[in-house]
Amino acid sequence: MRKIFFILFLIGCNIIFSQTPDENMLKGLNSINREELMKSVSYLASDELRGRLSGSQQYFNAADYTAKQFLKAGLIPANNGSFFQYFFTEYNEISDAKFGIVKENKIFYYKHGTDFSCRGFSGSGIYTSPVVFCGYGISESCYDDYKDVEVNGKIVLIFKQNADWNTDTKEKYSSLRVKSEIAYNKGALATLFVPRPNDKNPQKPIGSVMDGEGQYISNHPMLQIDIKVADEILENTGYTLSQLQSKIDESRLPNSLNTKANAYLEVNAKYDPARNTMNVAAILEGNDPILKNEYVIIGAHLDHVGSQGNVIYNGANDNASGSAAVLQIARAFSELEIKPKRSILFLLFSNEESGLHGAYHYVNNPLVPLENTIAMLNLDCVSNGDSIMVGNGLSAPELWNIANEMDSLYIKMMVKNTWKGGGADATPFFEKGIQCLYFVTTNGYEHLHLPTDDTETLKPELFEKITLLAYLTAYRIAND
């Protein structure tokens, strides 16, 4: 009887012990607070850094700042004594841009950053010319928006997105450079992109360097304009942009036309096909003699889309927030009395905005063996919205369950929606077979790629909680 009682006592103790918080883990929570997070974001999203365009001096300054933070935390440079992993990037600096409609020999200018923006790889030029609407900008034997219009010496206005029904050309025309190159080869001076007005939430003119594959055309400006601007250009045609989209989509036939409007545009851009840039990488070595040879990666992209003249895209939420979170998580781990069993690689990527080039460069040139990398946690846009989502849970259910458990115990803000396939900088790791989680807030994209993505729009409490959740999840993965 006494033996049975003793066994039951041990079982009871085991249950109690399994539910007792890890004091070492919880000590790290004290190192993460909203004040420090906002302090880092305030610098990374400051006008001084002018949107952290990959390859710019301002991006180098941001990278240097993060490297110094890693050094201050006592982390090890991950690349043979250096915190930097260099590679080359395509670079385009837009110093000035103007756009307006010409009426009665007078130019009525639109507001840069609100009514229009330059595409990231816009060429330069100063042109005054008639505007021709060319639908989706497709020119194929099966469907040709240019068939019955003359665009030589004119400015072309086309939809930025592809037609949902035209699946045969969808992949090719997903590149804005391809669309503008077709217009250029037909003699057009410049390309104006406008979102489809009949979509649920048509895109505002954004700052973006995601222009797709294709050649850089130095004398061919590319602008994105607002729908109301396009309607003003179309004022004398008898159509609104919405009506034109409906007519094309319903008939699945081109409906291109001369808008009877003249536009003035001016863009000054300086292009470099191979500018130096870098990822930033630091290691916290694990304390287990065997497991320290395995790695957990905690990453975020450091870059944003830069500036266009006086219009600065500071990218506070996207992704100064994720970078600041990685810095604070690094500090939390470095201040633990007992370091985690596995090693942790803290990784800040360049060139997410132009196509995940920094993350792809890393997985193709890893600083620690990919076969020893057991998990990658990505933080992107983590300081605005109303709750927490952890993506890629359908591809990495075991990791997702850890995050869900940590949320249930300590945070209580995680929604159950998730997805598969990685996402953003997690995608190259997912493609290499590495388990990933993607930490992001929900309903937080109101200011995405707009000049209004500043620190004033952030929610420090939510920011702190998602950073804590990422730390707790990483701690469990690094130790279990």
Protein backbone atom coordinates (compact mmCIF):
# COMPACT_ATOMS: atom_id res chain seq x y z
CA MET A 1 0.00 0.00 0.00
CA ARG A 2 2.82 2.37 0.90
CA LYS A 3 4.52 1.55 -2.43
CA ILE A 4 1.36 2.38 -4.40
CA PHE A 5 1.00 5.66 -2.50
CA PHE A 6 4.62 6.56 -3.27
CA ILE A 7 4.12 5.90 -7.00
CA LEU A 8 0.99 8.06 -7.01
CA PHE A 9 2.96 10.78 -5.22
CA LEU A 10 5.66 10.72 -7.90
CA ILE A 11 3.08 10.84 -10.67
CA GLY A 12 1.47 13.84 -8.99
CA CYS A 13 4.82 15.56 -8.62
CA ASN A 14 5.58 14.94 -12.27
CA ILE A 15 2.32 16.61 -13.29
CA ILE A 16 3.11 19.59 -11.09
CA PHE A 17 6.65 19.86 -12.40
CA SER A 18 5.54 19.65 -16.03
CA GLN A 19 3.21 22.60 -15.48
CA THR A 20 5.71 24.70 -13.56
CA PRO A 21 7.11 27.51 -15.73
CA ASP A 22 10.76 27.30 -16.73
CA GLU A 23 12.27 30.04 -14.54
CA ASN A 24 15.22 30.48 -16.89
CA MET A 25 12.85 30.93 -19.84
CA LEU A 26 10.73 33.45 -17.97
CA LYS A 27 13.80 35.45 -16.97
CA GLY A 28 14.30 36.30 -20.62
CA LEU A 29 10.86 37.91 -20.76
CA ASN A 30 12.14 40.77 -18.64
CA SER A 31 14.57 41.71 -21.41
CA ILE A 32 11.75 42.36 -23.88
CA ASN A 33 9.67 45.47 -23.39
CA ARG A 34 7.81 47.88 -25.61
CA GLU A 35 10.03 50.84 -24.73
CA GLU A 36 13.15 49.13 -26.07
CA LEU A 37 11.27 47.83 -29.10
CA MET A 38 10.00 51.29 -29.97
CA LYS A 39 13.44 52.77 -29.40
CA SER A 40 14.91 50.49 -32.08
CA VAL A 41 12.01 51.10 -34.47
CA SER A 42 12.26 54.86 -34.02
CA TYR A 43 15.78 54.79 -35.39
CA LEU A 44 15.28 52.18 -38.11
CA ALA A 45 12.14 53.97 -39.36
CA SER A 46 13.53 57.48 -39.04
CA ASP A 47 13.74 59.95 -41.92
CA GLU A 48 17.51 59.77 -41.44
CA LEU A 49 17.52 56.24 -42.91
CA ARG A 50 15.19 57.21 -45.78
CA GLY A 51 13.40 53.90 -46.07
CA ARG A 52 16.46 51.59 -45.88
CA LEU A 53 16.65 50.84 -49.60
CA SER A 54 18.94 47.85 -50.14
CA GLY A 55 22.30 49.04 -51.42
CA SER A 56 21.93 52.60 -50.15
CA GLN A 57 24.20 54.26 -47.59
CA GLN A 58 21.17 54.48 -45.31
CA TYR A 59 20.70 50.71 -45.48
CA PHE A 60 24.39 50.28 -44.59
CA ASN A 61 23.80 52.54 -41.56
CA ALA A 62 20.85 50.39 -40.49
CA ALA A 63 22.92 47.22 -40.91
CA ASP A 64 25.76 48.75 -38.90
CA TYR A 65 23.32 49.68 -36.11
CA THR A 66 21.98 46.12 -35.87
CA ALA A 67 25.47 44.62 -35.93
CA LYS A 68 26.45 46.86 -33.01
CA GLN A 69 23.37 45.70 -31.11
CA PHE A 70 24.36 42.07 -31.68
CA LEU A 71 27.91 42.85 -30.55
CA LYS A 72 26.60 44.61 -27.44
CA ALA A 73 24.59 41.48 -26.62
CA GLY A 74 27.77 39.41 -26.79
CA LEU A 75 26.84 37.45 -29.90
CA ILE A 76 29.36 35.92 -32.28
CA PRO A 77 29.73 37.27 -35.85
CA ALA A 78 28.40 34.49 -38.07
CA ASN A 79 30.53 35.03 -41.18
CA ASN A 80 34.22 34.37 -40.38
CA GLY A 81 34.50 37.21 -37.89
CA SER A 82 32.05 39.51 -39.66
CA PHE A 83 28.40 40.20 -38.95
CA PHE A 84 27.85 40.89 -42.66
CA GLN A 85 27.14 38.51 -45.53
CA TYR A 86 27.69 40.58 -48.66
CA PHE A 87 26.16 40.17 -52.10
CA PHE A 88 25.25 42.37 -55.05
CA THR A 89 21.87 43.88 -55.76
CA GLU A 90 20.24 45.86 -58.53
CA TYR A 91 19.82 49.44 -57.31
CA ASN A 92 17.81 52.44 -58.49
CA GLU A 93 17.77 55.77 -56.65
CA ILE A 94 14.89 58.10 -57.56
CA SER A 95 15.85 61.65 -56.64
CA ASP A 96 12.83 63.50 -58.02
CA ALA A 97 9.51 62.91 -59.77
CA LYS A 98 6.60 65.03 -61.01
CA PHE A 99 3.35 64.14 -62.74
CA GLY A 100 0.39 66.17 -63.94
CA ILE A 101 -2.28 66.72 -66.57
CA VAL A 102 -1.88 69.42 -69.19
CA LYS A 103 -4.95 71.63 -69.70
CA GLU A 104 -4.98 74.86 -71.70
CA ASN A 105 -1.19 74.87 -71.80
CA LYS A 106 -0.97 74.66 -68.02
CA ILE A 107 0.23 71.69 -65.96
CA PHE A 108 -1.97 70.66 -63.02
CA TYR A 109 0.36 68.65 -60.82
CA TYR A 110 -0.62 65.68 -58.71
CA LYS A 111 0.73 64.92 -55.23
CA HIS A 112 3.68 62.56 -55.16
CA GLY A 113 3.15 59.73 -52.67
CA THR A 114 -0.62 60.14 -52.64
CA ASP A 115 -1.84 60.54 -56.23
CA PHE A 116 1.11 58.80 -57.84
CA SER A 117 4.37 57.06 -57.10
CA CYS A 118 7.30 55.82 -59.14
CA ARG A 119 7.88 52.14 -59.59
CA GLY A 120 11.15 51.14 -57.97
CA PHE A 121 12.97 50.48 -61.23
CA SER A 122 11.56 53.38 -63.18
CA GLY A 123 13.73 54.90 -65.85
CA SER A 124 14.31 58.65 -66.23
CA GLY A 125 12.76 61.15 -68.60
CA ILE A 126 10.88 64.42 -69.07
CA TYR A 127 7.89 64.02 -71.38
CA THR A 128 4.70 65.82 -72.34
CA SER A 129 2.51 63.57 -74.45
CA PRO A 130 -1.01 62.22 -75.13
CA VAL A 131 -2.11 59.29 -72.98
CA VAL A 132 -3.43 56.08 -74.55
CA PHE A 133 -5.37 53.51 -72.51
CA CYS A 134 -4.26 49.96 -73.38
CA GLY A 135 -6.23 47.71 -71.03
CA TYR A 136 -4.08 45.03 -69.43
CA GLY A 137 -1.02 45.86 -71.55
CA ILE A 138 -1.02 42.44 -73.21
CA SER A 139 0.26 41.90 -76.72
CA GLU A 140 -0.16 38.30 -77.87
CA SER A 141 -1.61 36.66 -80.96
CA CYS A 142 -4.61 35.44 -78.96
CA TYR A 143 -5.27 38.82 -77.31
CA ASP A 144 -3.67 42.20 -78.11
CA ASP A 145 -4.45 45.45 -76.28
CA TYR A 146 -2.22 47.31 -78.76
CA LYS A 147 -3.85 46.02 -81.95
CA ASP A 148 -6.00 49.01 -82.92
CA VAL A 149 -4.18 51.93 -81.24
CA GLU A 150 -1.03 53.92 -81.96
CA VAL A 151 1.23 54.38 -78.94
CA ASN A 152 4.44 55.57 -80.61
CA GLY A 153 5.61 58.76 -78.89
CA LYS A 154 2.81 58.56 -76.33
CA ILE A 155 2.27 57.59 -72.69
CA VAL A 156 0.55 54.26 -72.08
CA LEU A 157 -2.00 53.73 -69.27
CA ILE A 158 -2.58 50.06 -68.32
CA PHE A 159 -3.90 47.98 -65.44
CA LYS A 160 -1.21 46.95 -62.96
CA GLN A 161 -2.82 43.56 -62.28
CA ASN A 162 -3.57 40.90 -64.86
CA ALA A 163 -7.00 39.79 -66.01
CA ASP A 164 -8.26 36.90 -63.87
CA TRP A 165 -9.71 35.22 -66.94
CA ASN A 166 -6.55 35.41 -69.06
CA THR A 167 -4.63 32.56 -67.44
CA ASP A 168 -2.57 31.84 -70.57
CA THR A 169 -0.52 35.04 -70.14
CA LYS A 170 -0.77 35.46 -66.37
CA GLU A 171 2.73 34.31 -65.49
CA LYS A 172 4.51 36.29 -68.21
CA TYR A 173 2.65 39.51 -67.48
CA SER A 174 3.06 39.32 -63.73
CA SER A 175 6.26 41.31 -64.27
CA LEU A 176 5.68 45.06 -64.56
CA ARG A 177 8.97 45.32 -66.40
CA VAL A 178 7.67 42.96 -69.08
CA LYS A 179 4.55 45.09 -69.47
CA SER A 180 6.53 48.33 -69.71
CA GLU A 181 9.08 46.75 -72.06
CA ILE A 182 6.29 45.80 -74.46
CA ALA A 183 5.01 49.37 -74.37
CA TYR A 184 8.55 50.70 -74.89
CA ASN A 185 9.16 48.40 -77.86
CA LYS A 186 6.01 49.78 -79.45
CA GLY A 187 7.38 53.29 -79.10
CA ALA A 188 5.73 54.43 -75.87
CA LEU A 189 7.59 57.07 -73.86
CA ALA A 190 6.40 55.95 -70.42
CA THR A 191 4.01 53.54 -68.68
CA LEU A 192 1.35 54.46 -66.14
CA PHE A 193 0.09 51.56 -64.03
CA VAL A 194 -3.29 51.77 -62.32
CA PRO A 195 -5.03 49.16 -60.11
CA ARG A 196 -8.20 47.44 -61.24
CA PRO A 197 -11.01 49.60 -59.83
CA ASN A 198 -13.49 46.73 -59.56
CA ASP A 199 -11.35 44.81 -57.08
CA LYS A 200 -12.53 44.69 -53.47
CA ASN A 201 -9.72 46.89 -52.10
CA PRO A 202 -7.92 48.59 -55.00
CA GLN A 203 -4.31 49.37 -54.21
CA LYS A 204 -3.20 52.94 -53.55
CA PRO A 205 -0.03 54.22 -55.27
CA ILE A 206 2.61 52.39 -53.26
CA GLY A 207 6.36 52.51 -52.98
CA SER A 208 7.69 49.23 -54.31
CA VAL A 209 10.81 47.68 -55.84
CA MET A 210 8.96 44.48 -56.74
CA ASP A 211 8.86 45.09 -60.49
CA GLY A 212 9.63 41.54 -61.59
CA GLU A 213 12.11 40.15 -64.06
CA GLY A 214 13.14 42.05 -67.16
CA GLN A 215 15.56 44.65 -68.40
CA TYR A 216 16.00 48.11 -66.93
CA ILE A 217 15.03 50.75 -69.51
CA SER A 218 16.90 53.91 -68.61
CA ASN A 219 14.72 56.36 -70.58
CA HIS A 220 11.31 54.85 -69.87
CA PRO A 221 9.61 56.10 -66.65
CA MET A 222 7.17 53.80 -64.85
CA LEU A 223 4.58 55.36 -62.54
CA GLN A 224 1.68 54.01 -60.53
CA ILE A 225 -1.32 56.35 -60.36
CA ASP A 226 -4.46 56.45 -58.26
CA ILE A 227 -7.84 55.45 -59.72
CA LYS A 228 -9.23 58.98 -59.36
CA VAL A 229 -6.27 60.29 -61.36
CA ALA A 230 -6.97 57.75 -64.11
CA ASP A 231 -10.62 58.82 -64.17
CA GLU A 232 -9.54 62.42 -64.66
CA ILE A 233 -7.34 61.33 -67.56
CA LEU A 234 -10.35 59.48 -69.03
CA GLU A 235 -12.72 62.40 -68.45
CA ASN A 236 -13.30 63.18 -72.13
CA THR A 237 -13.73 59.56 -73.29
CA GLY A 238 -17.20 58.95 -71.89
CA TYR A 239 -15.87 56.10 -69.76
CA THR A 240 -14.74 55.65 -66.20
CA LEU A 241 -11.93 53.24 -65.46
CA SER A 242 -14.42 50.90 -63.78
CA GLN A 243 -16.59 50.83 -66.89
CA LEU A 244 -13.61 50.04 -69.08
CA GLN A 245 -12.56 47.17 -66.85
CA SER A 246 -16.09 45.76 -66.84
CA LYS A 247 -16.35 46.02 -70.62
CA ILE A 248 -13.03 44.23 -71.19
CA ASP A 249 -13.67 41.55 -68.57
CA GLU A 250 -17.19 40.78 -69.75
CA SER A 251 -16.33 40.59 -73.45
CA ARG A 252 -12.78 39.31 -72.96
CA LEU A 253 -11.85 41.58 -75.84
CA PRO A 254 -9.56 44.64 -75.90
CA ASN A 255 -11.13 48.09 -75.55
CA SER A 256 -8.13 50.38 -75.94
CA LEU A 257 -8.59 54.06 -76.74
CA ASN A 258 -7.01 57.48 -76.96
CA THR A 259 -7.89 59.31 -73.73
CA LYS A 260 -7.80 62.77 -75.38
CA ALA A 261 -5.70 63.91 -72.45
CA ASN A 262 -2.08 65.07 -72.33
CA ALA A 263 0.16 64.34 -69.37
CA TYR A 264 3.46 65.71 -68.15
CA LEU A 265 5.90 63.57 -66.24
CA GLU A 266 9.43 63.97 -65.01
CA VAL A 267 11.54 61.31 -63.31
CA ASN A 268 15.18 61.47 -62.32
CA ALA A 269 16.67 58.09 -61.44
CA LYS A 270 20.21 56.78 -61.02
CA TYR A 271 20.65 53.09 -61.75
CA ASP A 272 23.38 50.66 -60.70
CA PRO A 273 23.07 47.04 -61.90
CA ALA A 274 25.35 45.67 -59.14
CA ARG A 275 25.43 47.59 -55.87
CA ASN A 276 26.88 46.02 -52.73
CA THR A 277 24.48 45.10 -49.91
CA MET A 278 24.40 42.58 -47.07
CA ASN A 279 22.52 40.32 -44.70
CA VAL A 280 23.38 40.73 -41.01
CA ALA A 281 24.02 37.53 -39.05
CA ALA A 282 25.01 36.70 -35.46
CA ILE A 283 25.21 33.48 -33.45
CA LEU A 284 24.41 32.61 -29.85
CA GLU A 285 26.16 29.31 -29.20
CA GLY A 286 24.18 26.60 -27.45
CA ASN A 287 25.37 25.00 -24.20
CA ASP A 288 24.77 21.32 -25.02
CA PRO A 289 27.93 19.61 -26.35
CA ILE A 290 25.93 17.79 -29.03
CA LEU A 291 22.82 19.90 -29.65
CA LYS A 292 24.82 23.11 -30.02
CA ASN A 293 25.65 21.88 -33.52
CA GLU A 294 21.96 22.30 -34.39
CA TYR A 295 20.54 25.74 -35.15
CA VAL A 296 17.34 27.69 -34.80
CA ILE A 297 17.19 30.73 -37.08
CA ILE A 298 15.27 33.83 -35.97
CA GLY A 299 15.00 36.25 -38.88
CA ALA A 300 13.39 39.37 -40.32
CA HIS A 301 14.05 41.60 -43.29
CA LEU A 302 15.83 44.85 -42.55
CA ASP A 303 15.23 46.60 -45.86
CA HIS A 304 12.29 48.63 -47.11
CA VAL A 305 11.64 50.51 -50.35
CA GLY A 306 13.59 53.72 -49.82
CA SER A 307 12.51 57.21 -50.84
CA GLN A 308 11.51 59.12 -53.95
CA GLY A 309 12.67 62.70 -53.69
CA ASN A 310 10.97 64.21 -50.64
CA VAL A 311 8.63 61.23 -50.24
CA ILE A 312 10.06 58.79 -47.69
CA TYR A 313 8.70 55.29 -47.14
CA ASN A 314 9.94 54.71 -43.60
CA GLY A 315 8.55 51.18 -43.25
CA ALA A 316 8.01 51.24 -39.49
CA ASN A 317 5.75 48.21 -39.47
CA ASP A 318 7.32 46.78 -42.65
CA ASN A 319 9.79 45.81 -41.38
CA ALA A 320 11.60 47.94 -38.86
CA SER A 321 9.28 46.21 -36.39
CA GLY A 322 10.43 42.67 -37.24
CA SER A 323 14.07 43.73 -37.16
CA ALA A 324 13.63 45.41 -33.77
CA ALA A 325 11.93 42.27 -32.47
CA VAL A 326 14.88 40.11 -33.57
CA LEU A 327 17.27 42.47 -31.75
CA GLN A 328 15.25 42.24 -28.54
CA ILE A 329 14.92 38.47 -28.74
CA ALA A 330 18.69 38.27 -29.21
CA ARG A 331 19.18 40.37 -26.10
CA ALA A 332 16.74 38.20 -24.14
CA PHE A 333 18.64 35.02 -24.99
CA SER A 334 22.03 36.62 -24.33
CA GLU A 335 20.98 37.62 -20.80
CA LEU A 336 19.84 34.14 -19.77
CA GLU A 337 21.83 32.54 -16.97
CA ILE A 338 21.53 29.18 -18.74
CA LYS A 339 21.94 29.44 -22.49
CA PRO A 340 19.72 27.25 -24.71
CA LYS A 341 20.86 23.79 -25.69
CA ARG A 342 20.82 24.51 -29.41
CA SER A 343 22.57 27.41 -31.07
CA ILE A 344 20.57 30.33 -32.44
CA LEU A 345 21.38 32.26 -35.61
CA PHE A 346 19.90 35.75 -35.66
CA LEU A 347 19.54 36.81 -39.28
CA LEU A 348 18.44 40.13 -40.80
CA PHE A 349 17.83 39.98 -44.54
CA SER A 350 18.43 42.49 -47.27
CA ASN A 351 16.27 42.65 -50.42
CA GLU A 352 13.07 41.07 -49.22
CA GLU A 353 11.22 43.88 -50.94
CA SER A 354 12.73 43.20 -54.35
CA GLY A 355 11.99 39.46 -54.31
CA LEU A 356 13.44 37.70 -51.21
CA HIS A 357 16.93 37.98 -52.69
CA GLY A 358 18.67 38.19 -49.31
CA ALA A 359 16.96 35.07 -47.99
CA TYR A 360 17.65 33.19 -51.23
CA HIS A 361 21.29 34.28 -51.08
CA TYR A 362 21.52 32.91 -47.57
CA VAL A 363 20.02 29.46 -48.27
CA ASN A 364 22.29 29.12 -51.30
CA ASN A 365 25.31 30.28 -49.26
CA PRO A 366 24.45 29.21 -45.70
CA LEU A 367 26.59 30.32 -42.78
CA VAL A 368 25.60 27.24 -40.78
CA PRO A 369 24.75 23.85 -42.34
CA LEU A 370 21.20 23.72 -43.65
CA GLU A 371 21.00 20.06 -42.66
CA ASN A 372 21.63 21.15 -39.05
CA THR A 373 19.03 23.93 -39.17
CA ILE A 374 15.97 22.55 -37.42
CA ALA A 375 13.69 25.58 -37.58
CA MET A 376 13.36 29.10 -38.99
CA LEU A 377 11.15 31.72 -37.32
CA ASN A 378 10.35 34.77 -39.44
CA LEU A 379 8.98 38.08 -38.12
CA ASP A 380 7.45 40.50 -40.61
CA CYS A 381 5.01 43.36 -39.94
CA VAL A 382 4.56 42.70 -36.22
CA SER A 383 3.53 46.04 -34.74
CA ASN A 384 0.16 47.00 -36.17
CA GLY A 385 -3.22 45.26 -36.20
CA ASP A 386 -5.37 43.58 -33.57
CA SER A 387 -4.11 40.03 -32.93
CA ILE A 388 -1.32 37.56 -33.71
CA MET A 389 -1.14 35.04 -36.52
CA VAL A 390 1.52 32.36 -36.86
CA GLY A 391 1.79 31.26 -40.46
CA ASN A 392 3.04 28.07 -42.11
CA GLY A 393 1.39 25.99 -39.40
CA LEU A 394 -0.05 23.62 -42.00
CA SER A 395 3.50 22.83 -43.15
CA ALA A 396 5.06 22.75 -39.66
CA PRO A 397 2.28 21.62 -37.28
CA GLU A 398 4.65 20.59 -34.47
CA LEU A 399 6.24 24.04 -34.36
CA TRP A 400 2.84 25.70 -34.64
CA ASN A 401 1.57 23.68 -31.69
CA ILE A 402 4.48 24.93 -29.60
CA ALA A 403 3.61 28.54 -30.48
CA ASN A 404 -0.06 27.87 -29.74
CA GLU A 405 0.79 26.35 -26.35
CA MET A 406 3.01 29.30 -25.42
CA ASP A 407 0.27 31.68 -26.47
CA SER A 408 -2.34 29.83 -24.40
CA LEU A 409 -0.13 29.99 -21.32
CA TYR A 410 1.27 33.50 -21.52
CA ILE A 411 0.03 35.75 -24.35
CA LYS A 412 -3.55 34.81 -25.34
CA MET A 413 -3.66 36.78 -28.60
CA MET A 414 -3.02 34.14 -31.28
CA VAL A 415 -5.71 33.35 -33.83
CA LYS A 416 -6.03 29.82 -35.14
CA ASN A 417 -5.78 30.71 -38.84
CA THR A 418 -2.54 29.70 -40.53
CA TRP A 419 -1.25 28.64 -43.95
CA LYS A 420 1.35 26.49 -45.67
CA GLY A 421 4.30 27.15 -47.97
CA GLY A 422 6.45 29.49 -45.91
CA GLY A 423 5.72 33.09 -46.84
CA ALA A 424 8.09 36.02 -47.50
CA ASP A 425 11.62 35.33 -46.18
CA ALA A 426 10.52 31.96 -44.80
CA THR A 427 9.81 30.75 -48.34
CA PRO A 428 13.42 29.94 -49.38
CA PHE A 429 13.88 27.97 -46.16
CA PHE A 430 10.60 26.12 -46.66
CA GLU A 431 11.73 25.23 -50.18
CA LYS A 432 14.91 23.72 -48.70
CA GLY A 433 12.84 21.49 -46.42
CA ILE A 434 13.38 23.49 -43.21
CA GLN A 435 10.49 23.79 -40.75
CA CYS A 436 9.31 27.42 -40.53
CA LEU A 437 6.94 29.66 -38.63
CA TYR A 438 5.92 33.16 -39.74
CA PHE A 439 4.95 35.61 -36.99
CA VAL A 440 2.72 38.46 -38.17
CA THR A 441 -0.15 40.56 -36.84
CA THR A 442 -3.64 40.44 -38.31
CA ASN A 443 -5.45 43.38 -39.92
CA GLY A 444 -2.30 45.48 -39.80
CA TYR A 445 -1.72 46.47 -43.44
CA GLU A 446 -3.53 49.80 -43.60
CA HIS A 447 -0.27 51.68 -44.18
CA LEU A 448 1.62 49.01 -46.12
CA HIS A 449 4.15 50.55 -48.53
CA LEU A 450 2.68 54.01 -48.02
CA PRO A 451 4.47 57.10 -46.67
CA THR A 452 2.20 56.84 -43.62
CA ASP A 453 3.94 53.68 -42.31
CA ASP A 454 5.53 55.61 -39.44
CA THR A 455 6.10 54.87 -35.77
CA GLU A 456 2.99 56.87 -34.81
CA THR A 457 0.79 54.17 -36.35
CA LEU A 458 2.26 51.30 -34.30
CA LYS A 459 0.68 49.53 -31.33
CA PRO A 460 3.41 49.02 -28.71
CA GLU A 461 1.44 46.55 -26.55
CA LEU A 462 0.70 44.23 -29.47
CA PHE A 463 4.30 44.67 -30.65
CA GLU A 464 5.60 43.57 -27.26
CA LYS A 465 3.31 40.55 -27.04
CA ILE A 466 4.13 39.09 -30.46
CA THR A 467 7.84 39.54 -29.71
CA LEU A 468 7.38 37.71 -26.41
CA LEU A 469 5.54 34.90 -28.18
CA ALA A 470 8.30 34.52 -30.75
CA TYR A 471 10.90 34.41 -27.94
CA LEU A 472 8.95 31.80 -25.95
CA THR A 473 8.47 29.65 -29.05
CA ALA A 474 12.14 29.90 -29.98
CA TYR A 475 13.18 29.03 -26.42
CA ARG A 476 11.11 25.86 -26.46
CA ILE A 477 12.41 24.81 -29.88
CA ALA A 478 16.00 25.52 -28.87
CA ASN A 479 15.71 23.43 -25.71
CA ASP A 480 13.20 20.64 -26.39
